[in-house]
Amino acid sequence: MELLLPHLTHLVMATVRPTEAESMPTVTGREAAVLRHVALGLTNRQIGRDLGISEATVRKHLEHSYQKLGVSSRAGAMTVLTRRTNTA
């Protein structure tokens, strides 16, 4: 699975319409990119490697996203985002 993950990530990201994530006015483009990776089940290390940023930066983007979305966890963020895309 570890060997397939880099290839699967790009395939899944290609199927996600950017307008779905960008329609979230409360988060920045980079925060939305991090959240899309979280939705794929990637770790902070994997997200950082894929986006070319450090794990600390990933954590900071998540921290800001959680605050903006009014949640305190990855699961909470995914719940809010799922509701937004299902109502859009």
C-alpha atoms as a PDB file:
ATOM      1  CA  MET A   1       0.000   0.000   0.000  1.00  0.00           C
ATOM      2  CA  GLU A   2       2.837   2.384   0.816  1.00  0.00           C
ATOM      3  CA  LEU A   3       4.189   1.918  -2.702  1.00  0.00           C
ATOM      4  CA  LEU A   4       0.820   2.641  -4.300  1.00  0.00           C
ATOM      5  CA  LEU A   5      -0.077   5.651  -2.155  1.00  0.00           C
ATOM      6  CA  PRO A   6       1.866   8.287  -4.142  1.00  0.00           C
ATOM      7  CA  HIS A   7       0.181   7.138  -7.349  1.00  0.00           C
ATOM      8  CA  LEU A   8      -3.285   6.885  -5.825  1.00  0.00           C
ATOM      9  CA  THR A   9      -3.029  10.340  -4.290  1.00  0.00           C
ATOM     10  CA  HIS A  10      -2.549  11.976  -7.671  1.00  0.00           C
ATOM     11  CA  LEU A  11      -5.377   9.953  -9.215  1.00  0.00           C
ATOM     12  CA  VAL A  12      -7.815  10.881  -6.463  1.00  0.00           C
ATOM     13  CA  MET A  13      -6.751  14.525  -6.547  1.00  0.00           C
ATOM     14  CA  ALA A  14      -7.349  14.571 -10.302  1.00  0.00           C
ATOM     15  CA  THR A  15     -10.937  13.428  -9.801  1.00  0.00           C
ATOM     16  CA  VAL A  16     -11.766  16.097  -7.202  1.00  0.00           C
ATOM     17  CA  ARG A  17     -13.116  19.197  -8.864  1.00  0.00           C
ATOM     18  CA  PRO A  18     -11.145  22.186  -7.535  1.00  0.00           C
ATOM     19  CA  THR A  19     -14.314  24.257  -7.277  1.00  0.00           C
ATOM     20  CA  GLU A  20     -15.627  21.937  -4.534  1.00  0.00           C
ATOM     21  CA  ALA A  21     -12.721  22.741  -2.241  1.00  0.00           C
ATOM     22  CA  GLU A  22     -12.324  26.332  -3.364  1.00  0.00           C
ATOM     23  CA  SER A  23     -15.991  27.024  -2.626  1.00  0.00           C
ATOM     24  CA  MET A  24     -15.092  27.050   1.069  1.00  0.00           C
ATOM     25  CA  PRO A  25     -14.708  30.792   1.660  1.00  0.00           C
ATOM     26  CA  THR A  26     -13.478  30.364   5.222  1.00  0.00           C
ATOM     27  CA  VAL A  27     -10.209  28.608   4.408  1.00  0.00           C
ATOM     28  CA  THR A  28      -7.286  29.652   2.230  1.00  0.00           C
ATOM     29  CA  GLY A  29      -6.276  27.788  -0.896  1.00  0.00           C
ATOM     30  CA  ARG A  30      -3.382  26.095   0.897  1.00  0.00           C
ATOM     31  CA  GLU A  31      -5.597  25.110   3.832  1.00  0.00           C
ATOM     32  CA  ALA A  32      -8.084  23.636   1.344  1.00  0.00           C
ATOM     33  CA  ALA A  33      -5.266  21.658  -0.300  1.00  0.00           C
ATOM     34  CA  VAL A  34      -4.205  20.276   3.083  1.00  0.00           C
ATOM     35  CA  LEU A  35      -7.810  19.368   3.895  1.00  0.00           C
ATOM     36  CA  ARG A  36      -8.187  17.555   0.562  1.00  0.00           C
ATOM     37  CA  HIS A  37      -5.156  15.475   1.486  1.00  0.00           C
ATOM     38  CA  VAL A  38      -6.606  14.806   4.942  1.00  0.00           C
ATOM     39  CA  ALA A  39      -9.748  13.537   3.218  1.00  0.00           C
ATOM     40  CA  LEU A  40      -7.545  10.984   1.461  1.00  0.00           C
ATOM     41  CA  GLY A  41      -6.416   9.697   4.853  1.00  0.00           C
ATOM     42  CA  LEU A  42      -2.833  10.912   4.550  1.00  0.00           C
ATOM     43  CA  THR A  43      -0.630  11.630   7.555  1.00  0.00           C
ATOM     44  CA  ASN A  44       0.881  15.065   8.184  1.00  0.00           C
ATOM     45  CA  ARG A  45       4.229  13.704   6.990  1.00  0.00           C
ATOM     46  CA  GLN A  46       2.707  12.422   3.738  1.00  0.00           C
ATOM     47  CA  ILE A  47       0.819  15.683   3.193  1.00  0.00           C
ATOM     48  CA  GLY A  48       3.961  17.716   3.765  1.00  0.00           C
ATOM     49  CA  ARG A  49       5.960  15.576   1.385  1.00  0.00           C
ATOM     50  CA  ASP A  50       3.266  15.804  -1.303  1.00  0.00           C
ATOM     51  CA  LEU A  51       2.848  19.584  -0.978  1.00  0.00           C
ATOM     52  CA  GLY A  52       6.532  20.342  -0.413  1.00  0.00           C
ATOM     53  CA  ILE A  53       6.028  21.810   3.068  1.00  0.00           C
ATOM     54  CA  SER A  54       7.134  20.756   6.550  1.00  0.00           C
ATOM     55  CA  GLU A  55       5.030  18.731   8.976  1.00  0.00           C
ATOM     56  CA  ALA A  56       4.952  21.770  11.263  1.00  0.00           C
ATOM     57  CA  THR A  57       3.460  23.859   8.460  1.00  0.00           C
ATOM     58  CA  VAL A  58       0.855  21.167   7.805  1.00  0.00           C
ATOM     59  CA  ARG A  59      -0.054  21.202  11.516  1.00  0.00           C
ATOM     60  CA  LYS A  60      -0.348  25.003  11.459  1.00  0.00           C
ATOM     61  CA  HIS A  61      -2.613  24.924   8.380  1.00  0.00           C
ATOM     62  CA  LEU A  62      -4.773  22.306  10.088  1.00  0.00           C
ATOM     63  CA  GLU A  63      -4.877  24.331  13.302  1.00  0.00           C
ATOM     64  CA  HIS A  64      -6.070  27.407  11.393  1.00  0.00           C
ATOM     65  CA  SER A  65      -8.583  25.345   9.403  1.00  0.00           C
ATOM     66  CA  TYR A  66     -10.015  23.773  12.548  1.00  0.00           C
ATOM     67  CA  GLN A  67     -10.433  27.206  14.103  1.00  0.00           C
ATOM     68  CA  LYS A  68     -12.169  28.583  11.003  1.00  0.00           C
ATOM     69  CA  LEU A  69     -14.441  25.531  10.686  1.00  0.00           C
ATOM     70  CA  GLY A  70     -15.230  25.490  14.407  1.00  0.00           C
ATOM     71  CA  VAL A  71     -13.895  21.973  14.993  1.00  0.00           C
ATOM     72  CA  SER A  72     -11.073  20.401  16.977  1.00  0.00           C
ATOM     73  CA  SER A  73     -10.104  17.335  14.936  1.00  0.00           C
ATOM     74  CA  ARG A  74      -9.592  15.862  11.487  1.00  0.00           C
ATOM     75  CA  ALA A  75     -12.847  13.946  11.822  1.00  0.00           C
ATOM     76  CA  GLY A  76     -14.717  17.123  12.730  1.00  0.00           C
ATOM     77  CA  ALA A  77     -13.270  18.955   9.746  1.00  0.00           C
ATOM     78  CA  MET A  78     -14.237  16.133   7.400  1.00  0.00           C
ATOM     79  CA  THR A  79     -17.785  16.135   8.815  1.00  0.00           C
ATOM     80  CA  VAL A  80     -18.167  19.875   8.187  1.00  0.00           C
ATOM     81  CA  LEU A  81     -16.699  19.626   4.704  1.00  0.00           C
ATOM     82  CA  THR A  82     -18.869  16.632   3.813  1.00  0.00           C
ATOM     83  CA  ARG A  83     -21.959  18.546   4.865  1.00  0.00           C
ATOM     84  CA  ARG A  84     -20.884  21.554   2.804  1.00  0.00           C
ATOM     85  CA  THR A  85     -20.288  19.543  -0.351  1.00  0.00           C
ATOM     86  CA  ASN A  86     -23.514  17.562   0.083  1.00  0.00           C
ATOM     87  CA  THR A  87     -25.555  20.754   0.414  1.00  0.00           C
ATOM     88  CA  ALA A  88     -23.797  22.524  -2.471  1.00  0.00           C
END
